[in-house]
N, C-alpha and C. Protein backbone atom coordinates (compact mmCIF):
# COMPACT_ATOMS: atom_id res chain seq x y z
N UNK A 1 21.38 -122.00 -143.59
CA UNK A 1 21.27 -123.27 -142.90
C UNK A 1 19.97 -123.31 -142.12
N UNK A 2 19.29 -124.39 -142.22
CA UNK A 2 18.05 -124.61 -141.51
C UNK A 2 18.37 -125.14 -140.11
N UNK A 3 17.60 -124.71 -139.11
CA UNK A 3 17.84 -125.14 -137.73
C UNK A 3 17.77 -126.66 -137.62
N UNK A 4 17.00 -127.31 -138.45
CA UNK A 4 16.89 -128.77 -138.41
C UNK A 4 18.19 -129.46 -138.84
N UNK A 5 19.08 -128.72 -139.51
CA UNK A 5 20.34 -129.29 -139.98
C UNK A 5 21.44 -129.21 -138.93
N UNK A 6 21.22 -128.47 -137.87
CA UNK A 6 22.25 -128.30 -136.85
C UNK A 6 22.35 -129.57 -136.02
N UNK A 7 23.57 -130.07 -135.87
CA UNK A 7 23.82 -131.26 -135.07
C UNK A 7 24.30 -130.80 -133.70
N UNK A 8 23.54 -131.14 -132.69
CA UNK A 8 23.87 -130.72 -131.33
C UNK A 8 25.06 -131.53 -130.82
N UNK A 9 25.96 -130.87 -130.10
CA UNK A 9 27.07 -131.57 -129.44
C UNK A 9 26.47 -132.38 -128.29
N UNK A 10 26.99 -133.57 -128.02
CA UNK A 10 26.36 -134.42 -127.00
C UNK A 10 26.44 -133.88 -125.57
N UNK A 11 27.30 -132.91 -125.31
CA UNK A 11 27.40 -132.29 -124.00
C UNK A 11 27.03 -130.82 -124.13
N UNK A 12 26.12 -130.38 -123.27
CA UNK A 12 25.62 -129.01 -123.37
C UNK A 12 25.89 -128.22 -122.10
N UNK A 13 26.30 -126.96 -122.27
CA UNK A 13 26.40 -126.03 -121.15
C UNK A 13 24.96 -125.62 -120.82
N UNK A 14 24.54 -125.86 -119.58
CA UNK A 14 23.15 -125.59 -119.21
C UNK A 14 22.99 -124.39 -118.27
N UNK A 15 24.10 -124.00 -117.62
CA UNK A 15 23.99 -122.85 -116.70
C UNK A 15 25.40 -122.32 -116.40
N UNK A 16 25.50 -121.02 -116.21
CA UNK A 16 26.75 -120.37 -115.83
C UNK A 16 26.46 -119.47 -114.63
N UNK A 17 27.33 -119.56 -113.61
CA UNK A 17 27.18 -118.73 -112.42
C UNK A 17 28.49 -118.05 -112.09
N UNK A 18 28.40 -116.81 -111.63
CA UNK A 18 29.56 -116.14 -111.06
C UNK A 18 29.59 -116.52 -109.60
N UNK A 19 30.70 -117.11 -109.15
CA UNK A 19 30.79 -117.55 -107.76
C UNK A 19 31.63 -116.61 -106.91
N UNK A 20 32.43 -115.77 -107.56
CA UNK A 20 33.25 -114.83 -106.82
C UNK A 20 33.66 -113.69 -107.74
N UNK A 21 33.61 -112.48 -107.19
CA UNK A 21 34.13 -111.32 -107.92
C UNK A 21 34.72 -110.37 -106.91
N UNK A 22 35.93 -109.87 -107.21
CA UNK A 22 36.58 -108.92 -106.32
C UNK A 22 37.37 -107.94 -107.17
N UNK A 23 37.26 -106.67 -106.85
CA UNK A 23 38.03 -105.65 -107.55
C UNK A 23 38.44 -104.58 -106.55
N UNK A 24 39.63 -104.04 -106.79
CA UNK A 24 40.14 -103.04 -105.88
C UNK A 24 41.04 -102.06 -106.63
N UNK A 25 40.71 -100.80 -106.51
CA UNK A 25 41.54 -99.73 -107.07
C UNK A 25 42.46 -99.26 -105.94
N UNK A 26 43.77 -99.41 -106.15
CA UNK A 26 44.73 -99.17 -105.07
C UNK A 26 45.36 -97.78 -105.10
N UNK A 27 45.17 -97.06 -106.19
CA UNK A 27 45.68 -95.69 -106.25
C UNK A 27 44.77 -94.86 -107.14
N UNK A 28 44.91 -93.55 -107.03
CA UNK A 28 44.06 -92.64 -107.81
C UNK A 28 44.26 -92.81 -109.31
N UNK A 29 45.50 -92.95 -109.72
CA UNK A 29 45.82 -93.08 -111.14
C UNK A 29 46.31 -94.51 -111.41
N UNK A 30 45.59 -95.22 -112.26
CA UNK A 30 45.97 -96.59 -112.61
C UNK A 30 46.76 -96.55 -113.91
N UNK A 31 47.99 -97.03 -113.84
CA UNK A 31 48.84 -97.01 -115.04
C UNK A 31 49.67 -98.29 -115.07
N UNK A 32 50.23 -98.56 -116.21
CA UNK A 32 51.09 -99.74 -116.35
C UNK A 32 50.35 -100.92 -116.95
N UNK A 33 51.12 -101.90 -117.34
CA UNK A 33 50.57 -103.11 -117.96
C UNK A 33 49.91 -104.00 -116.91
N UNK A 34 48.88 -104.71 -117.33
CA UNK A 34 48.22 -105.67 -116.46
C UNK A 34 48.80 -107.06 -116.67
N UNK A 35 48.93 -107.79 -115.58
CA UNK A 35 49.29 -109.21 -115.63
C UNK A 35 47.99 -109.99 -115.56
N UNK A 36 47.90 -111.04 -116.36
CA UNK A 36 46.69 -111.86 -116.40
C UNK A 36 47.08 -113.29 -116.07
N UNK A 37 46.35 -113.90 -115.13
CA UNK A 37 46.54 -115.31 -114.84
C UNK A 37 45.18 -115.99 -114.85
N UNK A 38 45.18 -117.27 -115.21
CA UNK A 38 43.93 -118.02 -115.30
C UNK A 38 44.14 -119.44 -114.82
N UNK A 39 43.11 -119.99 -114.22
CA UNK A 39 43.09 -121.39 -113.79
C UNK A 39 41.76 -121.98 -114.18
N UNK A 40 41.78 -123.27 -114.51
CA UNK A 40 40.53 -123.95 -114.83
C UNK A 40 40.63 -125.40 -114.35
N UNK A 41 39.50 -125.96 -114.02
CA UNK A 41 39.45 -127.37 -113.63
C UNK A 41 38.04 -127.91 -113.87
N UNK A 42 37.94 -129.22 -113.92
CA UNK A 42 36.65 -129.87 -114.09
C UNK A 42 36.30 -130.71 -112.89
N UNK A 43 35.01 -130.97 -112.74
CA UNK A 43 34.53 -131.80 -111.63
C UNK A 43 33.31 -132.58 -112.11
N UNK A 44 33.24 -133.84 -111.76
CA UNK A 44 32.06 -134.64 -112.07
C UNK A 44 31.10 -134.55 -110.90
N UNK A 45 29.84 -134.19 -111.20
CA UNK A 45 28.83 -134.04 -110.17
C UNK A 45 28.11 -135.37 -109.96
N UNK A 46 27.68 -135.97 -111.06
CA UNK A 46 27.02 -137.28 -111.00
C UNK A 46 27.25 -137.97 -112.35
N UNK A 47 26.51 -139.00 -112.64
CA UNK A 47 26.73 -139.80 -113.84
C UNK A 47 26.51 -139.08 -115.16
N UNK A 48 25.79 -137.95 -115.14
CA UNK A 48 25.52 -137.23 -116.40
C UNK A 48 25.80 -135.73 -116.33
N UNK A 49 26.34 -135.26 -115.21
CA UNK A 49 26.54 -133.83 -115.02
C UNK A 49 27.96 -133.53 -114.57
N UNK A 50 28.50 -132.43 -115.07
CA UNK A 50 29.82 -131.99 -114.65
C UNK A 50 29.86 -130.48 -114.49
N UNK A 51 30.92 -130.01 -113.82
CA UNK A 51 31.13 -128.58 -113.62
C UNK A 51 32.50 -128.23 -114.18
N UNK A 52 32.58 -127.04 -114.74
CA UNK A 52 33.83 -126.48 -115.21
C UNK A 52 34.04 -125.17 -114.48
N UNK A 53 35.19 -125.03 -113.83
CA UNK A 53 35.52 -123.83 -113.08
C UNK A 53 36.59 -123.04 -113.81
N UNK A 54 36.47 -121.72 -113.77
CA UNK A 54 37.52 -120.86 -114.31
C UNK A 54 37.70 -119.68 -113.37
N UNK A 55 38.96 -119.31 -113.16
CA UNK A 55 39.29 -118.13 -112.35
C UNK A 55 40.28 -117.30 -113.14
N UNK A 56 39.98 -116.01 -113.27
CA UNK A 56 40.85 -115.06 -113.97
C UNK A 56 41.23 -113.96 -113.00
N UNK A 57 42.50 -113.63 -112.99
CA UNK A 57 42.99 -112.51 -112.16
C UNK A 57 43.74 -111.55 -113.07
N UNK A 58 43.39 -110.27 -112.98
CA UNK A 58 44.03 -109.20 -113.75
C UNK A 58 44.53 -108.20 -112.72
N UNK A 59 45.82 -107.86 -112.81
CA UNK A 59 46.35 -106.97 -111.78
C UNK A 59 47.60 -106.23 -112.25
N UNK A 60 47.84 -105.12 -111.59
CA UNK A 60 49.11 -104.42 -111.64
C UNK A 60 49.28 -103.77 -110.27
N UNK A 61 50.22 -102.85 -110.13
CA UNK A 61 50.49 -102.24 -108.82
C UNK A 61 49.33 -101.36 -108.35
N UNK A 62 48.50 -100.88 -109.28
CA UNK A 62 47.46 -99.91 -108.94
C UNK A 62 46.03 -100.47 -108.92
N UNK A 63 45.86 -101.68 -109.43
CA UNK A 63 44.49 -102.21 -109.60
C UNK A 63 44.54 -103.73 -109.64
N UNK A 64 43.53 -104.34 -109.06
CA UNK A 64 43.41 -105.80 -109.20
C UNK A 64 41.94 -106.18 -109.27
N UNK A 65 41.71 -107.21 -110.05
CA UNK A 65 40.35 -107.69 -110.28
C UNK A 65 40.42 -109.20 -110.47
N UNK A 66 39.52 -109.92 -109.83
CA UNK A 66 39.50 -111.37 -109.94
C UNK A 66 38.05 -111.84 -110.01
N UNK A 67 37.82 -112.82 -110.88
CA UNK A 67 36.48 -113.38 -111.02
C UNK A 67 36.57 -114.88 -111.17
N UNK A 68 35.60 -115.56 -110.58
CA UNK A 68 35.46 -117.01 -110.73
C UNK A 68 34.07 -117.31 -111.25
N UNK A 69 34.00 -118.23 -112.18
CA UNK A 69 32.73 -118.68 -112.73
C UNK A 69 32.71 -120.19 -112.74
N UNK A 70 31.51 -120.74 -112.72
CA UNK A 70 31.33 -122.18 -112.88
C UNK A 70 30.29 -122.40 -113.97
N UNK A 71 30.59 -123.34 -114.85
CA UNK A 71 29.66 -123.73 -115.89
C UNK A 71 29.19 -125.15 -115.62
N UNK A 72 27.90 -125.38 -115.74
CA UNK A 72 27.31 -126.69 -115.50
C UNK A 72 27.04 -127.35 -116.84
N UNK A 73 27.56 -128.55 -117.02
CA UNK A 73 27.42 -129.30 -118.27
C UNK A 73 26.56 -130.53 -118.06
N UNK A 74 25.69 -130.77 -119.02
CA UNK A 74 24.86 -131.98 -119.03
C UNK A 74 25.35 -132.85 -120.18
N UNK A 75 25.79 -134.06 -119.84
CA UNK A 75 26.26 -135.01 -120.85
C UNK A 75 25.08 -135.77 -121.41
N UNK A 76 25.12 -136.04 -122.71
CA UNK A 76 24.03 -136.76 -123.38
C UNK A 76 23.88 -138.19 -122.91
N UNK A 77 24.98 -138.82 -122.54
CA UNK A 77 24.99 -140.19 -122.05
C UNK A 77 25.64 -140.23 -120.68
N UNK A 78 25.59 -141.37 -120.05
CA UNK A 78 26.26 -141.56 -118.78
C UNK A 78 27.77 -141.41 -118.98
N UNK A 79 28.42 -140.76 -118.05
CA UNK A 79 29.87 -140.58 -118.11
C UNK A 79 30.54 -141.93 -117.85
N UNK A 80 31.20 -142.44 -118.88
CA UNK A 80 31.90 -143.73 -118.77
C UNK A 80 33.37 -143.53 -118.41
N UNK A 81 34.01 -142.58 -119.05
CA UNK A 81 35.44 -142.34 -118.88
C UNK A 81 35.63 -141.04 -118.11
N UNK A 82 35.85 -141.15 -116.79
CA UNK A 82 35.96 -139.96 -115.94
C UNK A 82 37.13 -139.06 -116.34
N UNK A 83 38.25 -139.65 -116.71
CA UNK A 83 39.42 -138.85 -117.08
C UNK A 83 39.11 -137.98 -118.29
N UNK A 84 38.48 -138.56 -119.31
CA UNK A 84 38.11 -137.78 -120.50
C UNK A 84 37.08 -136.71 -120.18
N UNK A 85 36.12 -137.04 -119.31
CA UNK A 85 35.09 -136.06 -118.93
C UNK A 85 35.71 -134.89 -118.19
N UNK A 86 36.65 -135.16 -117.28
CA UNK A 86 37.31 -134.09 -116.54
C UNK A 86 38.14 -133.22 -117.48
N UNK A 87 38.83 -133.85 -118.41
CA UNK A 87 39.61 -133.09 -119.38
C UNK A 87 38.70 -132.23 -120.26
N UNK A 88 37.58 -132.79 -120.69
CA UNK A 88 36.62 -132.03 -121.49
C UNK A 88 36.17 -130.78 -120.73
N UNK A 89 35.82 -130.94 -119.45
CA UNK A 89 35.32 -129.80 -118.67
C UNK A 89 36.41 -128.77 -118.41
N UNK A 90 37.65 -129.20 -118.22
CA UNK A 90 38.75 -128.25 -118.03
C UNK A 90 38.98 -127.44 -119.30
N UNK A 91 38.95 -128.11 -120.45
CA UNK A 91 39.14 -127.42 -121.74
C UNK A 91 37.95 -126.50 -122.02
N UNK A 92 36.74 -126.99 -121.80
CA UNK A 92 35.57 -126.16 -122.08
C UNK A 92 35.48 -124.98 -121.12
N UNK A 93 36.04 -125.14 -119.92
CA UNK A 93 36.10 -124.01 -118.99
C UNK A 93 36.83 -122.84 -119.59
N UNK A 94 37.90 -123.12 -120.31
CA UNK A 94 38.62 -122.06 -120.99
C UNK A 94 37.86 -121.62 -122.23
N UNK A 95 37.50 -122.57 -123.04
CA UNK A 95 36.90 -122.27 -124.34
C UNK A 95 35.59 -121.49 -124.22
N UNK A 96 34.71 -121.91 -123.37
CA UNK A 96 33.38 -121.29 -123.29
C UNK A 96 33.32 -120.18 -122.25
N UNK A 97 33.83 -120.44 -121.05
CA UNK A 97 33.66 -119.49 -119.96
C UNK A 97 34.56 -118.25 -120.07
N UNK A 98 35.64 -118.34 -120.85
CA UNK A 98 36.53 -117.19 -121.03
C UNK A 98 35.74 -115.98 -121.54
N UNK A 99 34.87 -116.20 -122.50
CA UNK A 99 34.13 -115.06 -123.08
C UNK A 99 33.15 -114.45 -122.07
N UNK A 100 32.59 -115.26 -121.17
CA UNK A 100 31.71 -114.72 -120.14
C UNK A 100 32.51 -113.80 -119.20
N UNK A 101 33.67 -114.27 -118.76
CA UNK A 101 34.49 -113.47 -117.86
C UNK A 101 35.04 -112.24 -118.56
N UNK A 102 35.43 -112.41 -119.82
CA UNK A 102 35.98 -111.29 -120.59
C UNK A 102 34.99 -110.12 -120.61
N UNK A 103 33.74 -110.42 -120.87
CA UNK A 103 32.70 -109.37 -120.91
C UNK A 103 32.49 -108.76 -119.53
N UNK A 104 32.45 -109.60 -118.49
CA UNK A 104 32.26 -109.09 -117.12
C UNK A 104 33.38 -108.13 -116.72
N UNK A 105 34.62 -108.55 -116.95
CA UNK A 105 35.76 -107.73 -116.53
C UNK A 105 35.76 -106.38 -117.25
N UNK A 106 35.42 -106.41 -118.53
CA UNK A 106 35.36 -105.15 -119.29
C UNK A 106 34.25 -104.25 -118.73
N UNK A 107 33.08 -104.82 -118.57
CA UNK A 107 31.93 -104.04 -118.12
C UNK A 107 32.15 -103.45 -116.73
N UNK A 108 32.62 -104.25 -115.80
CA UNK A 108 32.79 -103.77 -114.44
C UNK A 108 33.98 -102.83 -114.30
N UNK A 109 35.07 -103.11 -115.01
CA UNK A 109 36.23 -102.20 -114.92
C UNK A 109 35.92 -100.85 -115.57
N UNK A 110 34.97 -100.82 -116.50
CA UNK A 110 34.61 -99.54 -117.12
C UNK A 110 33.93 -98.60 -116.12
N UNK A 111 33.42 -99.15 -115.04
CA UNK A 111 32.81 -98.33 -113.99
C UNK A 111 33.85 -97.83 -112.99
N UNK A 112 35.06 -98.42 -113.05
CA UNK A 112 36.10 -98.08 -112.08
C UNK A 112 37.28 -97.32 -112.69
N UNK A 113 37.50 -97.52 -113.98
CA UNK A 113 38.70 -96.99 -114.62
C UNK A 113 38.36 -96.16 -115.86
N UNK A 114 39.20 -95.18 -116.19
CA UNK A 114 38.96 -94.42 -117.41
C UNK A 114 39.17 -95.26 -118.68
N UNK A 115 40.03 -96.29 -118.58
CA UNK A 115 40.29 -97.20 -119.70
C UNK A 115 40.02 -98.62 -119.20
N UNK A 116 38.86 -99.20 -119.54
CA UNK A 116 38.49 -100.52 -119.02
C UNK A 116 39.48 -101.61 -119.40
N UNK A 117 39.48 -102.66 -118.62
CA UNK A 117 40.32 -103.83 -118.86
C UNK A 117 39.69 -104.68 -119.96
N UNK A 118 40.45 -104.94 -121.00
CA UNK A 118 39.99 -105.81 -122.09
C UNK A 118 40.99 -106.96 -122.17
N UNK A 119 40.62 -108.11 -121.57
CA UNK A 119 41.53 -109.25 -121.68
C UNK A 119 41.45 -109.77 -123.12
N UNK A 120 42.53 -110.33 -123.60
CA UNK A 120 42.57 -110.72 -125.01
C UNK A 120 41.71 -111.94 -125.33
N UNK A 121 41.33 -112.04 -126.58
CA UNK A 121 40.77 -113.30 -127.04
C UNK A 121 41.96 -114.26 -127.16
N UNK A 122 41.70 -115.55 -127.06
CA UNK A 122 42.81 -116.50 -127.05
C UNK A 122 42.55 -117.65 -128.02
N UNK A 123 43.63 -118.27 -128.45
CA UNK A 123 43.57 -119.51 -129.22
C UNK A 123 43.62 -120.62 -128.18
N UNK A 124 42.47 -121.19 -127.86
CA UNK A 124 42.35 -122.14 -126.76
C UNK A 124 43.26 -123.35 -126.94
N UNK A 125 43.25 -123.94 -128.11
CA UNK A 125 44.03 -125.16 -128.32
C UNK A 125 45.53 -124.90 -128.18
N UNK A 126 46.03 -123.82 -128.76
CA UNK A 126 47.46 -123.51 -128.62
C UNK A 126 47.81 -123.16 -127.18
N UNK A 127 46.91 -122.49 -126.48
CA UNK A 127 47.13 -122.15 -125.07
C UNK A 127 47.24 -123.42 -124.24
N UNK A 128 46.35 -124.38 -124.47
CA UNK A 128 46.39 -125.63 -123.71
C UNK A 128 47.62 -126.46 -124.05
N UNK A 129 47.99 -126.49 -125.32
CA UNK A 129 49.19 -127.22 -125.71
C UNK A 129 50.42 -126.63 -125.04
N UNK A 130 50.49 -125.31 -124.99
CA UNK A 130 51.62 -124.62 -124.37
C UNK A 130 51.66 -124.89 -122.87
N UNK A 131 50.48 -124.96 -122.23
CA UNK A 131 50.41 -125.20 -120.80
C UNK A 131 50.88 -126.60 -120.43
N UNK A 132 50.70 -127.55 -121.34
CA UNK A 132 51.13 -128.92 -121.04
C UNK A 132 52.63 -129.00 -121.17
């Protein structure tokens, strides 16, 4: 495929920032299954820009780790339908930002634990359908 054939999506992720990270090892030996929880939401910044927030928490009795990221989206046109734009950013927060957090959690937990935390890849659409 030639780069000239690629059709750009009208909304682009232009920047990703980590806004919060916290990790704590509560005992010498970390064992047991991890519980994973996630939250996401969207926010309109102005007529052509939005933010997508995601927070992931991984924990058990011996260890906890939490990270928050924000993704900044630039819309190709002026945002006409705020409800659709907010829904888009909430969905994209999961779809796009999950992989950023997944890599961070693995990398940082590998410095703290003998077996790093690897959160699963997910089927975004089925996850969202189930959440509704």
